[in-house]
Amino acid sequence: QASSLVTEARVYKTMLINKTKKRAEEQAASLLLNADVRCKNYE
């Protein structure tokens, strides 16, 4: 059971890392898009 819990915890940890990474990439893409729009407006 302990081994199973450790495995579950590792899977959950990996899932959280991937989810966080995806969210960070989406936010970065959004920020870049906003920056491009602002740049064009200033131009």
All heavy atoms as atom14 arrays in JSON, in Angstrom:
{
  "sequence": "QASSLVTEARVYKTMLINKTKKRAEEQAASLLLNADVRCKNYE",
  "atom14_mask": [
    [1, 1, 1, 1, 1, 1, 1, 1, 1, 0, 0, 0, 0, 0],
    [1, 1, 1, 1, 1, 0, 0, 0, 0, 0, 0, 0, 0, 0],
    [1, 1, 1, 1, 1, 1, 0, 0, 0, 0, 0, 0, 0, 0],
    [1, 1, 1, 1, 1, 1, 0, 0, 0, 0, 0, 0, 0, 0],
    [1, 1, 1, 1, 1, 1, 1, 1, 0, 0, 0, 0, 0, 0],
    [1, 1, 1, 1, 1, 1, 1, 0, 0, 0, 0, 0, 0, 0],
    [1, 1, 1, 1, 1, 1, 1, 0, 0, 0, 0, 0, 0, 0],
    [1, 1, 1, 1, 1, 1, 1, 1, 1, 0, 0, 0, 0, 0],
    [1, 1, 1, 1, 1, 0, 0, 0, 0, 0, 0, 0, 0, 0],
    [1, 1, 1, 1, 1, 1, 1, 1, 1, 1, 1, 0, 0, 0],
    [1, 1, 1, 1, 1, 1, 1, 0, 0, 0, 0, 0, 0, 0],
    [1, 1, 1, 1, 1, 1, 1, 1, 1, 1, 1, 1, 0, 0],
    [1, 1, 1, 1, 1, 1, 1, 1, 1, 0, 0, 0, 0, 0],
    [1, 1, 1, 1, 1, 1, 1, 0, 0, 0, 0, 0, 0, 0],
    [1, 1, 1, 1, 1, 1, 1, 1, 0, 0, 0, 0, 0, 0],
    [1, 1, 1, 1, 1, 1, 1, 1, 0, 0, 0, 0, 0, 0],
    [1, 1, 1, 1, 1, 1, 1, 1, 0, 0, 0, 0, 0, 0],
    [1, 1, 1, 1, 1, 1, 1, 1, 0, 0, 0, 0, 0, 0],
    [1, 1, 1, 1, 1, 1, 1, 1, 1, 0, 0, 0, 0, 0],
    [1, 1, 1, 1, 1, 1, 1, 0, 0, 0, 0, 0, 0, 0],
    [1, 1, 1, 1, 1, 1, 1, 1, 1, 0, 0, 0, 0, 0],
    [1, 1, 1, 1, 1, 1, 1, 1, 1, 0, 0, 0, 0, 0],
    [1, 1, 1, 1, 1, 1, 1, 1, 1, 1, 1, 0, 0, 0],
    [1, 1, 1, 1, 1, 0, 0, 0, 0, 0, 0, 0, 0, 0],
    [1, 1, 1, 1, 1, 1, 1, 1, 1, 0, 0, 0, 0, 0],
    [1, 1, 1, 1, 1, 1, 1, 1, 1, 0, 0, 0, 0, 0],
    [1, 1, 1, 1, 1, 1, 1, 1, 1, 0, 0, 0, 0, 0],
    [1, 1, 1, 1, 1, 0, 0, 0, 0, 0, 0, 0, 0, 0],
    [1, 1, 1, 1, 1, 0, 0, 0, 0, 0, 0, 0, 0, 0],
    [1, 1, 1, 1, 1, 1, 0, 0, 0, 0, 0, 0, 0, 0],
    [1, 1, 1, 1, 1, 1, 1, 1, 0, 0, 0, 0, 0, 0],
    [1, 1, 1, 1, 1, 1, 1, 1, 0, 0, 0, 0, 0, 0],
    [1, 1, 1, 1, 1, 1, 1, 1, 0, 0, 0, 0, 0, 0],
    [1, 1, 1, 1, 1, 1, 1, 1, 0, 0, 0, 0, 0, 0],
    [1, 1, 1, 1, 1, 0, 0, 0, 0, 0, 0, 0, 0, 0],
    [1, 1, 1, 1, 1, 1, 1, 1, 0, 0, 0, 0, 0, 0],
    [1, 1, 1, 1, 1, 1, 1, 0, 0, 0, 0, 0, 0, 0],
    [1, 1, 1, 1, 1, 1, 1, 1, 1, 1, 1, 0, 0, 0],
    [1, 1, 1, 1, 1, 1, 0, 0, 0, 0, 0, 0, 0, 0],
    [1, 1, 1, 1, 1, 1, 1, 1, 1, 0, 0, 0, 0, 0],
    [1, 1, 1, 1, 1, 1, 1, 1, 0, 0, 0, 0, 0, 0],
    [1, 1, 1, 1, 1, 1, 1, 1, 1, 1, 1, 1, 0, 0],
    [1, 1, 1, 1, 1, 1, 1, 1, 1, 0, 0, 0, 0, 0]
  ],
  "atom14_positions": [
    [[0.83, -1.2, 0.0], [0.0, 0.0, 0.0], [0.87, 1.26, 0.0], [0.58, 2.23, -0.68], [-0.94, 0.0, 1.2], [-2.08, -0.99, 1.07], [-2.98, -1.01, 2.32], [-2.65, -0.4, 3.34], [-4.09, -1.72, 2.22], [0.0, 0.0, 0.0], [0.0, 0.0, 0.0], [0.0, 0.0, 0.0], [0.0, 0.0, 0.0], [0.0, 0.0, 0.0]],
    [[1.94, 1.22, 0.75], [2.85, 2.36, 0.8], [3.49, 2.58, -0.56], [3.59, 3.71, -1.05], [3.91, 2.15, 1.86], [0.0, 0.0, 0.0], [0.0, 0.0, 0.0], [0.0, 0.0, 0.0], [0.0, 0.0, 0.0], [0.0, 0.0, 0.0], [0.0, 0.0, 0.0], [0.0, 0.0, 0.0], [0.0, 0.0, 0.0], [0.0, 0.0, 0.0]],
    [[3.9, 1.48, -1.19], [4.49, 1.56, -2.52], [3.48, 2.12, -3.52], [3.81, 2.95, -4.37], [4.98, 0.19, -2.96], [5.48, 0.26, -4.26], [0.0, 0.0, 0.0], [0.0, 0.0, 0.0], [0.0, 0.0, 0.0], [0.0, 0.0, 0.0], [0.0, 0.0, 0.0], [0.0, 0.0, 0.0], [0.0, 0.0, 0.0], [0.0, 0.0, 0.0]],
    [[2.25, 1.65, -3.4], [1.19, 2.13, -4.27], [0.95, 3.62, -4.05], [0.78, 4.39, -5.0], [-0.09, 1.34, -4.0], [-1.15, 1.83, -4.78], [0.0, 0.0, 0.0], [0.0, 0.0, 0.0], [0.0, 0.0, 0.0], [0.0, 0.0, 0.0], [0.0, 0.0, 0.0], [0.0, 0.0, 0.0], [0.0, 0.0, 0.0], [0.0, 0.0, 0.0]],
    [[0.93, 4.06, -2.77], [0.75, 5.47, -2.47], [1.9, 6.32, -3.01], [1.7, 7.41, -3.53], [0.6, 5.68, -0.97], [-0.73, 5.22, -0.36], [-0.67, 5.33, 1.17], [-1.89, 6.02, -0.9], [0.0, 0.0, 0.0], [0.0, 0.0, 0.0], [0.0, 0.0, 0.0], [0.0, 0.0, 0.0], [0.0, 0.0, 0.0], [0.0, 0.0, 0.0]],
    [[3.12, 5.79, -2.89], [4.28, 6.51, -3.42], [4.16, 6.65, -4.93], [4.41, 7.72, -5.5], [5.59, 5.8, -3.02], [6.78, 6.34, -3.8], [5.83, 5.92, -1.53], [0.0, 0.0, 0.0], [0.0, 0.0, 0.0], [0.0, 0.0, 0.0], [0.0, 0.0, 0.0], [0.0, 0.0, 0.0], [0.0, 0.0, 0.0], [0.0, 0.0, 0.0]],
    [[3.76, 5.56, -5.6], [3.58, 5.6, -7.06], [2.5, 6.62, -7.43], [2.66, 7.42, -8.34], [3.22, 4.21, -7.6], [4.26, 3.3, -7.24], [3.06, 4.23, -9.09], [0.0, 0.0, 0.0], [0.0, 0.0, 0.0], [0.0, 0.0, 0.0], [0.0, 0.0, 0.0], [0.0, 0.0, 0.0], [0.0, 0.0, 0.0], [0.0, 0.0, 0.0]],
    [[1.38, 6.59, -6.7], [0.3, 7.55, -6.95], [0.78, 8.98, -6.75], [0.44, 9.88, -7.52], [-0.88, 7.29, -5.99], [-1.94, 6.38, -6.53], [-3.13, 6.3, -5.57], [-3.72, 7.34, -5.24], [-3.45, 5.17, -5.18], [0.0, 0.0, 0.0], [0.0, 0.0, 0.0], [0.0, 0.0, 0.0], [0.0, 0.0, 0.0], [0.0, 0.0, 0.0]],
    [[1.55, 9.18, -5.7], [2.07, 10.52, -5.41], [2.98, 11.0, -6.53], [2.92, 12.16, -6.94], [2.8, 10.52, -4.08], [0.0, 0.0, 0.0], [0.0, 0.0, 0.0], [0.0, 0.0, 0.0], [0.0, 0.0, 0.0], [0.0, 0.0, 0.0], [0.0, 0.0, 0.0], [0.0, 0.0, 0.0], [0.0, 0.0, 0.0], [0.0, 0.0, 0.0]],
    [[3.81, 10.1, -7.05], [4.72, 10.46, -8.15], [3.92, 10.81, -9.4], [4.23, 11.78, -10.1], [5.69, 9.31, -8.44], [6.76, 9.2, -7.41], [7.75, 8.1, -7.75], [8.75, 7.97, -6.71], [9.34, 6.85, -6.38], [9.03, 5.72, -7.0], [10.24, 6.83, -5.42], [0.0, 0.0, 0.0], [0.0, 0.0, 0.0], [0.0, 0.0, 0.0]],
    [[2.89, 10.02, -9.69], [2.04, 10.28, -10.86], [1.35, 11.64, -10.69], [1.31, 12.46, -11.61], [1.01, 9.15, -11.07], [-0.05, 9.55, -12.08], [1.71, 7.86, -11.49], [0.0, 0.0, 0.0], [0.0, 0.0, 0.0], [0.0, 0.0, 0.0], [0.0, 0.0, 0.0], [0.0, 0.0, 0.0], [0.0, 0.0, 0.0], [0.0, 0.0, 0.0]],
    [[0.81, 11.87, -9.48], [0.12, 13.13, -9.21], [1.08, 14.32, -9.32], [0.75, 15.35, -9.89], [-0.51, 13.08, -7.81], [-1.36, 14.28, -7.49], [-2.57, 14.49, -8.14], [-0.94, 15.2, -6.54], [-3.35, 15.61, -7.85], [-1.72, 16.31, -6.23], [-2.92, 16.51, -6.89], [-3.68, 17.6, -6.59], [0.0, 0.0, 0.0], [0.0, 0.0, 0.0]],
    [[2.31, 14.12, -8.8], [3.33, 15.16, -8.88], [3.66, 15.47, -10.34], [3.72, 16.65, -10.74], [4.59, 14.7, -8.14], [5.77, 15.64, -8.26], [7.0, 15.04, -7.6], [8.25, 15.73, -8.03], [9.45, 15.04, -7.58], [0.0, 0.0, 0.0], [0.0, 0.0, 0.0], [0.0, 0.0, 0.0], [0.0, 0.0, 0.0], [0.0, 0.0, 0.0]],
    [[3.84, 14.44, -11.15], [4.13, 14.63, -12.57], [2.98, 15.35, -13.26], [3.19, 16.26, -14.07], [4.39, 13.27, -13.25], [5.49, 12.63, -12.58], [4.73, 13.43, -14.71], [0.0, 0.0, 0.0], [0.0, 0.0, 0.0], [0.0, 0.0, 0.0], [0.0, 0.0, 0.0], [0.0, 0.0, 0.0], [0.0, 0.0, 0.0], [0.0, 0.0, 0.0]],
    [[1.75, 14.95, -12.91], [0.57, 15.58, -13.5], [0.52, 17.07, -13.14], [0.27, 17.92, -13.97], [-0.7, 14.88, -13.01], [-1.97, 15.43, -13.64], [-3.44, 14.7, -12.92], [-3.47, 15.53, -11.34], [0.0, 0.0, 0.0], [0.0, 0.0, 0.0], [0.0, 0.0, 0.0], [0.0, 0.0, 0.0], [0.0, 0.0, 0.0], [0.0, 0.0, 0.0]],
    [[0.79, 17.38, -11.87], [0.79, 18.78, -11.44], [1.88, 19.58, -12.14], [1.66, 20.73, -12.55], [0.96, 18.87, -9.92], [-0.25, 18.49, -9.07], [0.11, 18.57, -7.59], [-1.42, 19.41, -9.37], [0.0, 0.0, 0.0], [0.0, 0.0, 0.0], [0.0, 0.0, 0.0], [0.0, 0.0, 0.0], [0.0, 0.0, 0.0], [0.0, 0.0, 0.0]],
    [[3.05, 18.99, -12.27], [4.16, 19.67, -12.95], [3.77, 19.96, -14.4], [3.97, 21.07, -14.89], [5.46, 18.84, -12.86], [5.99, 18.88, -11.43], [6.51, 19.34, -13.85], [7.16, 17.93, -11.18], [0.0, 0.0, 0.0], [0.0, 0.0, 0.0], [0.0, 0.0, 0.0], [0.0, 0.0, 0.0], [0.0, 0.0, 0.0], [0.0, 0.0, 0.0]],
    [[3.22, 18.96, -15.07], [2.83, 19.15, -16.47], [1.73, 20.21, -16.61], [1.75, 21.03, -17.52], [2.37, 17.83, -17.09], [3.52, 16.88, -17.32], [4.68, 17.29, -17.4], [3.22, 15.59, -17.38], [0.0, 0.0, 0.0], [0.0, 0.0, 0.0], [0.0, 0.0, 0.0], [0.0, 0.0, 0.0], [0.0, 0.0, 0.0], [0.0, 0.0, 0.0]],
    [[0.76, 20.16, -15.69], [-0.34, 21.13, -15.72], [0.2, 22.54, -15.48], [-0.18, 23.49, -16.16], [-1.37, 20.75, -14.65], [-2.66, 21.5, -14.74], [-3.65, 20.94, -13.72], [-5.01, 21.59, -13.85], [-5.96, 21.06, -12.89], [0.0, 0.0, 0.0], [0.0, 0.0, 0.0], [0.0, 0.0, 0.0], [0.0, 0.0, 0.0], [0.0, 0.0, 0.0]],
    [[1.09, 22.67, -14.52], [1.69, 23.97, -14.21], [2.52, 24.47, -15.39], [2.47, 25.65, -15.74], [2.56, 23.87, -12.94], [1.75, 23.39, -11.87], [3.16, 25.21, -12.57], [0.0, 0.0, 0.0], [0.0, 0.0, 0.0], [0.0, 0.0, 0.0], [0.0, 0.0, 0.0], [0.0, 0.0, 0.0], [0.0, 0.0, 0.0], [0.0, 0.0, 0.0]],
    [[3.27, 23.57, -15.98], [4.09, 23.93, -17.14], [3.21, 24.41, -18.29], [3.5, 25.43, -18.92], [4.92, 22.72, -17.58], [5.85, 22.99, -18.73], [6.65, 21.75, -19.08], [7.51, 21.97, -20.3], [8.23, 20.77, -20.7], [0.0, 0.0, 0.0], [0.0, 0.0, 0.0], [0.0, 0.0, 0.0], [0.0, 0.0, 0.0], [0.0, 0.0, 0.0]],
    [[2.11, 23.69, -18.54], [1.2, 24.07, -19.62], [0.59, 25.44, -19.33], [0.5, 26.3, -20.22], [0.09, 23.03, -19.77], [-0.85, 23.32, -20.92], [-1.9, 22.24, -21.07], [-2.85, 22.59, -22.2], [-3.92, 21.62, -22.34], [0.0, 0.0, 0.0], [0.0, 0.0, 0.0], [0.0, 0.0, 0.0], [0.0, 0.0, 0.0], [0.0, 0.0, 0.0]],
    [[0.16, 25.66, -18.09], [-0.43, 26.95, -17.71], [0.59, 28.08, -17.89], [0.27, 29.16, -18.38], [-0.93, 26.91, -16.28], [-1.75, 28.14, -15.91], [-2.3, 28.09, -14.5], [-3.05, 26.87, -14.22], [-2.94, 26.18, -13.09], [-2.13, 26.59, -12.13], [-3.65, 25.1, -12.88], [0.0, 0.0, 0.0], [0.0, 0.0, 0.0], [0.0, 0.0, 0.0]],
    [[1.81, 27.81, -17.49], [2.87, 28.83, -17.62], [3.13, 29.15, -19.1], [3.31, 30.31, -19.47], [4.15, 28.36, -16.95], [0.0, 0.0, 0.0], [0.0, 0.0, 0.0], [0.0, 0.0, 0.0], [0.0, 0.0, 0.0], [0.0, 0.0, 0.0], [0.0, 0.0, 0.0], [0.0, 0.0, 0.0], [0.0, 0.0, 0.0], [0.0, 0.0, 0.0]],
    [[3.14, 28.12, -19.95], [3.35, 28.34, -21.38], [2.2, 29.15, -21.98], [2.41, 30.03, -22.81], [3.49, 27.0, -22.1], [4.81, 26.29, -21.82], [4.85, 24.87, -22.37], [3.81, 24.35, -22.81], [5.95, 24.29, -22.35], [0.0, 0.0, 0.0], [0.0, 0.0, 0.0], [0.0, 0.0, 0.0], [0.0, 0.0, 0.0], [0.0, 0.0, 0.0]],
    [[0.97, 28.85, -21.54], [-0.19, 29.59, -22.04], [-0.12, 31.06, -21.6], [-0.4, 31.96, -22.38], [-1.49, 28.95, -21.55], [-1.8, 27.63, -22.21], [-2.97, 26.89, -21.57], [-3.48, 27.34, -20.51], [-3.38, 25.86, -22.13], [0.0, 0.0, 0.0], [0.0, 0.0, 0.0], [0.0, 0.0, 0.0], [0.0, 0.0, 0.0], [0.0, 0.0, 0.0]],
    [[0.27, 31.28, -20.35], [0.39, 32.65, -19.85], [1.49, 33.4, -20.59], [1.34, 34.57, -20.93], [0.66, 32.66, -18.35], [-0.55, 32.29, -17.51], [-0.24, 32.23, -16.02], [0.91, 32.19, -15.61], [-1.28, 32.22, -15.2], [0.0, 0.0, 0.0], [0.0, 0.0, 0.0], [0.0, 0.0, 0.0], [0.0, 0.0, 0.0], [0.0, 0.0, 0.0]],
    [[2.59, 32.72, -20.84], [3.7, 33.34, -21.57], [3.25, 33.7, -22.99], [3.55, 34.8, -23.48], [4.91, 32.42, -21.62], [0.0, 0.0, 0.0], [0.0, 0.0, 0.0], [0.0, 0.0, 0.0], [0.0, 0.0, 0.0], [0.0, 0.0, 0.0], [0.0, 0.0, 0.0], [0.0, 0.0, 0.0], [0.0, 0.0, 0.0], [0.0, 0.0, 0.0]],
    [[2.53, 32.8, -23.63], [2.04, 33.08, -24.99], [1.08, 34.27, -24.97], [1.13, 35.14, -25.85], [1.35, 31.84, -25.56], [0.0, 0.0, 0.0], [0.0, 0.0, 0.0], [0.0, 0.0, 0.0], [0.0, 0.0, 0.0], [0.0, 0.0, 0.0], [0.0, 0.0, 0.0], [0.0, 0.0, 0.0], [0.0, 0.0, 0.0], [0.0, 0.0, 0.0]],
    [[0.23, 34.32, -23.96], [-0.71, 35.43, -23.82], [0.03, 36.75, -23.61], [-0.3, 37.77, -24.22], [-1.67, 35.17, -22.67], [-2.52, 36.26, -22.47], [0.0, 0.0, 0.0], [0.0, 0.0, 0.0], [0.0, 0.0, 0.0], [0.0, 0.0, 0.0], [0.0, 0.0, 0.0], [0.0, 0.0, 0.0], [0.0, 0.0, 0.0], [0.0, 0.0, 0.0]],
    [[1.03, 36.73, -22.76], [1.82, 37.94, -22.51], [2.54, 38.4, -23.78], [2.6, 39.6, -24.07], [2.83, 37.71, -21.39], [2.24, 37.57, -19.99], [3.32, 37.16, -18.99], [1.6, 38.88, -19.55], [0.0, 0.0, 0.0], [0.0, 0.0, 0.0], [0.0, 0.0, 0.0], [0.0, 0.0, 0.0], [0.0, 0.0, 0.0], [0.0, 0.0, 0.0]],
    [[3.08, 37.44, -24.51], [3.76, 37.79, -25.76], [2.78, 38.41, -26.76], [3.1, 39.38, -27.45], [4.44, 36.57, -26.38], [5.72, 36.11, -25.69], [6.2, 34.8, -26.29], [6.8, 37.17, -25.81], [0.0, 0.0, 0.0], [0.0, 0.0, 0.0], [0.0, 0.0, 0.0], [0.0, 0.0, 0.0], [0.0, 0.0, 0.0], [0.0, 0.0, 0.0]],
    [[1.59, 37.84, -26.84], [0.58, 38.38, -27.75], [0.2, 39.79, -27.34], [0.11, 40.7, -28.18], [-0.66, 37.47, -27.74], [-1.8, 37.89, -28.66], [-1.34, 37.89, -30.11], [-2.99, 36.97, -28.49], [0.0, 0.0, 0.0], [0.0, 0.0, 0.0], [0.0, 0.0, 0.0], [0.0, 0.0, 0.0], [0.0, 0.0, 0.0], [0.0, 0.0, 0.0]],
    [[-0.01, 40.0, -26.03], [-0.34, 41.34, -25.54], [0.79, 42.33, -25.84], [0.54, 43.47, -26.21], [-0.62, 41.32, -24.04], [-1.94, 40.67, -23.71], [-2.81, 40.55, -24.56], [-2.11, 40.25, -22.47], [0.0, 0.0, 0.0], [0.0, 0.0, 0.0], [0.0, 0.0, 0.0], [0.0, 0.0, 0.0], [0.0, 0.0, 0.0], [0.0, 0.0, 0.0]],
    [[2.02, 41.87, -25.67], [3.17, 42.73, -25.95], [3.22, 43.1, -27.43], [3.49, 44.25, -27.79], [4.46, 42.04, -25.52], [0.0, 0.0, 0.0], [0.0, 0.0, 0.0], [0.0, 0.0, 0.0], [0.0, 0.0, 0.0], [0.0, 0.0, 0.0], [0.0, 0.0, 0.0], [0.0, 0.0, 0.0], [0.0, 0.0, 0.0], [0.0, 0.0, 0.0]],
    [[2.94, 42.13, -28.29], [2.92, 42.4, -29.74], [1.83, 43.42, -30.08], [2.06, 44.34, -30.88], [2.69, 41.12, -30.53], [3.93, 40.24, -30.61], [5.04, 40.76, -30.34], [3.79, 39.05, -30.95], [0.0, 0.0, 0.0], [0.0, 0.0, 0.0], [0.0, 0.0, 0.0], [0.0, 0.0, 0.0], [0.0, 0.0, 0.0], [0.0, 0.0, 0.0]],
    [[0.67, 43.26, -29.49], [-0.44, 44.18, -29.75], [-0.07, 45.59, -29.29], [-0.26, 46.57, -30.01], [-1.74, 43.7, -29.06], [-2.81, 44.77, -29.07], [-2.26, 42.43, -29.73], [0.0, 0.0, 0.0], [0.0, 0.0, 0.0], [0.0, 0.0, 0.0], [0.0, 0.0, 0.0], [0.0, 0.0, 0.0], [0.0, 0.0, 0.0], [0.0, 0.0, 0.0]],
    [[0.5, 45.68, -28.08], [0.91, 46.99, -27.58], [1.98, 47.62, -28.45], [1.96, 48.82, -28.73], [1.42, 46.88, -26.15], [0.32, 46.7, -25.14], [0.87, 46.73, -23.74], [-0.21, 46.57, -22.77], [-0.02, 46.51, -21.49], [1.2, 46.59, -20.99], [-1.04, 46.38, -20.66], [0.0, 0.0, 0.0], [0.0, 0.0, 0.0], [0.0, 0.0, 0.0]],
    [[2.9, 46.79, -28.88], [3.98, 47.28, -29.74], [3.4, 47.86, -31.03], [3.79, 48.94, -31.47], [4.97, 46.15, -30.04], [6.36, 46.66, -31.05], [0.0, 0.0, 0.0], [0.0, 0.0, 0.0], [0.0, 0.0, 0.0], [0.0, 0.0, 0.0], [0.0, 0.0, 0.0], [0.0, 0.0, 0.0], [0.0, 0.0, 0.0], [0.0, 0.0, 0.0]],
    [[2.47, 47.13, -31.64], [1.84, 47.62, -32.87], [1.07, 48.91, -32.62], [1.11, 49.83, -33.43], [0.93, 46.55, -33.46], [1.69, 45.4, -34.09], [0.78, 44.32, -34.63], [1.6, 43.16, -35.15], [0.76, 42.05, -35.61], [0.0, 0.0, 0.0], [0.0, 0.0, 0.0], [0.0, 0.0, 0.0], [0.0, 0.0, 0.0], [0.0, 0.0, 0.0]],
    [[0.37, 48.98, -31.48], [-0.37, 50.19, -31.15], [0.57, 51.38, -30.99], [0.3, 52.47, -31.5], [-1.2, 50.01, -29.87], [-2.39, 49.11, -30.09], [-2.83, 48.89, -31.21], [-2.93, 48.57, -29.01], [0.0, 0.0, 0.0], [0.0, 0.0, 0.0], [0.0, 0.0, 0.0], [0.0, 0.0, 0.0], [0.0, 0.0, 0.0], [0.0, 0.0, 0.0]],
    [[1.67, 51.17, -30.26], [2.64, 52.25, -30.07], [3.24, 52.66, -31.41], [3.46, 53.85, -31.66], [3.76, 51.83, -29.11], [3.32, 51.71, -27.68], [3.82, 50.71, -26.86], [2.4, 52.59, -27.11], [3.42, 50.59, -25.53], [2.0, 52.48, -25.79], [2.52, 51.48, -25.01], [2.12, 51.36, -23.71], [0.0, 0.0, 0.0], [0.0, 0.0, 0.0]],
    [[3.5, 51.68, -32.25], [4.06, 51.98, -33.57], [3.08, 52.82, -34.39], [3.48, 53.8, -35.02], [4.38, 50.67, -34.29], [5.13, 50.85, -35.59], [5.51, 49.53, -36.21], [5.97, 48.63, -35.5], [5.34, 49.4, -37.44], [0.0, 0.0, 0.0], [0.0, 0.0, 0.0], [0.0, 0.0, 0.0], [0.0, 0.0, 0.0], [0.0, 0.0, 0.0]]
  ]
}
